[in-house]
C-alpha atoms as a PDB file:
ATOM      1  CA  UNK A   1      36.789  26.228  -1.842  1.00  0.00           C
ATOM      2  CA  UNK A   2      38.604  28.183  -4.501  1.00  0.00           C
ATOM      3  CA  UNK A   3      38.799  31.539  -5.050  1.00  0.00           C
ATOM      4  CA  UNK A   4      40.015  34.545  -7.021  1.00  0.00           C
ATOM      5  CA  UNK A   5      40.114  38.030  -7.245  1.00  0.00           C
ATOM      6  CA  UNK A   6      40.661  40.279 -10.078  1.00  0.00           C
ATOM      7  CA  UNK A   7      40.781  44.076 -10.220  1.00  0.00           C
ATOM      8  CA  UNK A   8      39.696  46.203 -12.804  1.00  0.00           C
ATOM      9  CA  UNK A   9      40.870  49.116 -13.623  1.00  0.00           C
ATOM     10  CA  UNK A  10      37.596  51.374 -14.351  1.00  0.00           C
ATOM     11  CA  UNK A  11      36.275  55.257 -14.505  1.00  0.00           C
ATOM     12  CA  UNK A  12      32.860  53.887 -14.076  1.00  0.00           C
ATOM     13  CA  UNK A  13      32.862  50.882 -11.599  1.00  0.00           C
ATOM     14  CA  UNK A  14      29.501  51.525 -10.336  1.00  0.00           C
ATOM     15  CA  UNK A  15      27.916  51.053 -13.866  1.00  0.00           C
ATOM     16  CA  UNK A  16      29.717  48.162 -14.423  1.00  0.00           C
ATOM     17  CA  UNK A  17      28.133  46.446 -10.908  1.00  0.00           C
ATOM     18  CA  UNK A  18      24.758  47.770 -12.487  1.00  0.00           C
ATOM     19  CA  UNK A  19      25.029  46.430 -15.603  1.00  0.00           C
ATOM     20  CA  UNK A  20      26.564  43.162 -14.607  1.00  0.00           C
ATOM     21  CA  UNK A  21      23.146  43.036 -12.093  1.00  0.00           C
ATOM     22  CA  UNK A  22      21.338  43.297 -15.069  1.00  0.00           C
ATOM     23  CA  UNK A  23      22.480  40.914 -16.912  1.00  0.00           C
ATOM     24  CA  UNK A  24      22.803  38.277 -14.466  1.00  0.00           C
ATOM     25  CA  UNK A  25      19.071  38.825 -13.207  1.00  0.00           C
ATOM     26  CA  UNK A  26      17.836  35.707 -13.813  1.00  0.00           C
ATOM     27  CA  UNK A  27      20.655  34.242 -11.112  1.00  0.00           C
ATOM     28  CA  UNK A  28      19.458  32.459  -8.387  1.00  0.00           C
ATOM     29  CA  UNK A  29      20.052  35.651  -6.282  1.00  0.00           C
ATOM     30  CA  UNK A  30      20.992  39.010  -6.884  1.00  0.00           C
ATOM     31  CA  UNK A  31      21.826  40.897  -3.534  1.00  0.00           C
ATOM     32  CA  UNK A  32      22.400  44.346  -4.215  1.00  0.00           C
ATOM     33  CA  UNK A  33      22.090  45.236  -0.785  1.00  0.00           C
ATOM     34  CA  UNK A  34      25.280  44.262   0.448  1.00  0.00           C
ATOM     35  CA  UNK A  35      28.990  45.852  -0.027  1.00  0.00           C
ATOM     36  CA  UNK A  36      30.030  43.852  -2.080  1.00  0.00           C
ATOM     37  CA  UNK A  37      27.286  43.264  -4.046  1.00  0.00           C
ATOM     38  CA  UNK A  38      26.493  39.570  -4.453  1.00  0.00           C
ATOM     39  CA  UNK A  39      25.747  37.082  -7.278  1.00  0.00           C
ATOM     40  CA  UNK A  40      24.676  33.620  -6.129  1.00  0.00           C
ATOM     41  CA  UNK A  41      25.109  31.103  -9.758  1.00  0.00           C
ATOM     42  CA  UNK A  42      24.474  27.434 -10.005  1.00  0.00           C
ATOM     43  CA  UNK A  43      28.473  27.661 -10.253  1.00  0.00           C
ATOM     44  CA  UNK A  44      29.348  29.366  -6.518  1.00  0.00           C
ATOM     45  CA  UNK A  45      28.909  33.228  -6.175  1.00  0.00           C
ATOM     46  CA  UNK A  46      30.373  36.476  -7.362  1.00  0.00           C
ATOM     47  CA  UNK A  47      30.831  39.325  -5.675  1.00  0.00           C
ATOM     48  CA  UNK A  48      31.507  43.067  -7.508  1.00  0.00           C
ATOM     49  CA  UNK A  49      32.346  46.123  -5.610  1.00  0.00           C
ATOM     50  CA  UNK A  50      33.084  49.476  -7.252  1.00  0.00           C
ATOM     51  CA  UNK A  51      35.742  51.952  -5.924  1.00  0.00           C
ATOM     52  CA  UNK A  52      37.352  54.592  -7.140  1.00  0.00           C
ATOM     53  CA  UNK A  53      38.606  53.845 -10.219  1.00  0.00           C
ATOM     54  CA  UNK A  54      38.601  50.117 -10.314  1.00  0.00           C
ATOM     55  CA  UNK A  55      35.963  47.068 -10.080  1.00  0.00           C
ATOM     56  CA  UNK A  56      36.874  44.245  -7.637  1.00  0.00           C
ATOM     57  CA  UNK A  57      35.323  41.151  -8.808  1.00  0.00           C
ATOM     58  CA  UNK A  58      35.414  37.690  -6.649  1.00  0.00           C
ATOM     59  CA  UNK A  59      34.155  34.385  -7.426  1.00  0.00           C
ATOM     60  CA  UNK A  60      34.327  31.515  -5.264  1.00  0.00           C
ATOM     61  CA  UNK A  61      33.030  28.112  -6.505  1.00  0.00           C
ATOM     62  CA  UNK A  62      33.108  24.420  -4.181  1.00  0.00           C
ATOM     63  CA  UNK A  63      35.348  22.899  -6.530  1.00  0.00           C
ATOM     64  CA  UNK A  64      37.722  23.566  -9.455  1.00  0.00           C
ATOM     65  CA  UNK A  65      35.365  22.625 -12.178  1.00  0.00           C
ATOM     66  CA  UNK A  66      32.938  24.815 -11.106  1.00  0.00           C
ATOM     67  CA  UNK A  67      35.527  27.585 -10.257  1.00  0.00           C
ATOM     68  CA  UNK A  68      36.605  27.777 -13.328  1.00  0.00           C
ATOM     69  CA  UNK A  69      33.219  27.700 -15.428  1.00  0.00           C
ATOM     70  CA  UNK A  70      32.204  31.078 -13.348  1.00  0.00           C
ATOM     71  CA  UNK A  71      35.372  32.927 -13.747  1.00  0.00           C
ATOM     72  CA  UNK A  72      34.493  32.247 -17.695  1.00  0.00           C
ATOM     73  CA  UNK A  73      31.004  33.153 -17.036  1.00  0.00           C
ATOM     74  CA  UNK A  74      32.463  36.477 -15.434  1.00  0.00           C
ATOM     75  CA  UNK A  75      34.874  36.996 -18.412  1.00  0.00           C
ATOM     76  CA  UNK A  76      32.298  36.371 -21.091  1.00  0.00           C
ATOM     77  CA  UNK A  77      29.908  38.761 -19.110  1.00  0.00           C
ATOM     78  CA  UNK A  78      32.303  41.901 -18.450  1.00  0.00           C
ATOM     79  CA  UNK A  79      33.386  40.968 -22.628  1.00  0.00           C
ATOM     80  CA  UNK A  80      30.136  41.501 -23.245  1.00  0.00           C
ATOM     81  CA  UNK A  81      29.430  45.235 -22.026  1.00  0.00           C
ATOM     82  CA  UNK A  82      29.037  47.784 -24.846  1.00  0.00           C
ATOM     83  CA  UNK A  83      31.419  50.437 -24.770  1.00  0.00           C
ATOM     84  CA  UNK A  84      33.797  48.966 -22.285  1.00  0.00           C
ATOM     85  CA  UNK A  85      37.450  47.230 -22.713  1.00  0.00           C
ATOM     86  CA  UNK A  86      38.719  45.498 -19.366  1.00  0.00           C
ATOM     87  CA  UNK A  87      41.342  43.825 -18.727  1.00  0.00           C
ATOM     88  CA  UNK A  88      40.961  40.601 -16.641  1.00  0.00           C
ATOM     89  CA  UNK A  89      43.481  39.200 -14.459  1.00  0.00           C
ATOM     90  CA  UNK A  90      42.662  36.613 -11.950  1.00  0.00           C
ATOM     91  CA  UNK A  91      44.761  36.302  -8.423  1.00  0.00           C
ATOM     92  CA  UNK A  92      43.769  33.078  -6.474  1.00  0.00           C
END
């Protein structure tokens, strides 16, 4: 199961988590009660955790192709946030 992680500097990471949950409201499941927040999509799961001055994002999928697609979805979602400029570097 491929897993990758990104730590993204952000002044208001909690706001980013909220915006991403709203964006993915049509996901299979959005569990905002857990920490980290878990979003289940067709390709796999995305975990979001707001920490002081950063957003931690972890993605996991069943296979490499789904994993790459999920990373791309997360990148696109973060890039689409208005007023936010993020530098995303995935680590395996």
